[in-house]
Amino acid sequence: MPDIGFLNGRFMPLDQAMVSVEDRGFQFGDGVYEVIRTYRGVPFQLEAHLGRLERSAKAIALALPYQSREWQDFVLEGIRRGGYAESKVYIQLTRGAAPREHLFPVAARPTAVMTVREMRPIDAALQASGVGVITVEDLRWGRCDIKSVNLLPNVMARQRAKEAGAFEAIFVRGGEVTEGAVSNVMLVRAGVLVTAPEGERILSGVTRALVLALARKEGIPAEERAVSVDELRRADEVFLTGTTVEILPVVRVDGALVGTGKPGALTGLLSERFRSSLG
């Protein structure tokens, strides 16, 4: 199957999609993005992802070249053209190509890019056994609620995790857990689900919101508040949430076991409810 590219309203084979070297996404990281996956060929929470794309663009004063309804049509067409059983769709918007100057260009038109590739799910063995994570200092900028293409700190943190034999890096700022390099973080302590609150320190994930809703529907107490790194390490259960990781149990933090060292019961319950919610 071919990987599909989309550039400013036109579909093409991905290897034919080219962007100017003067694009501000390349020169300054002046752009935002979203990642959408499918289940049974249907985009998951598409409206929520496109709503967040719109909020991120608005936060950096980036004009949207297409409205939500148009983006929905483009996403569905890209998935159809790719023909994969399951797809991963990446959308990126930048302020466009212009001579390199820090000020916003007056005449530049936004660059809209989309790629469609095969979605390869997390290994079922990892879901069953759980993963290890490390904690790292959060060196990112102050508006993590904007899904910016400036991902160098995330890249470096994820590389550190790999070199440490861990799956994910968990950011810590001022002694408080914020989120993972590619995920949100939740923990369970004495039957209470806890996660960092929405705000400028985290990107509030679409899957995060769904998991919180599922927990409350089950009558599980859920708190959105500051979480210390010590509390993370003393948790009964820890898990990650995200578009690509879904609900992924964490069984080691910085080499130390979480709880019994096995995925916990509440994590398992929420994973089951999440799967059931997919239809």
Foldseek 3Di string as FASTA:
>chain_A
DFKWKDKPHDIDGPVPDDADCQFCCNVPLAKFKFKWKDDQLHTDPLVVRVVLRVVLCVVSVADDPDDSVVVVVVVSVSSVVVPESMKMKMKMKGLAGDPDDPDRDDPGHIMIMMIIDHFDADPVVQQFFFWAEEEDEDPDDQQQQRRTSPLVVLVVQCVVQVVVVTRWYWYAYPQWTQAISAWFKWFAAPQEIEGAADDRRHHCAPLNVVLVVVCVVVVGHYYHHTHGPVNVQATLWMWTDHNRHHTGTHQYYNRHGRRPSGHDDVSVVSSVVSVVVSD
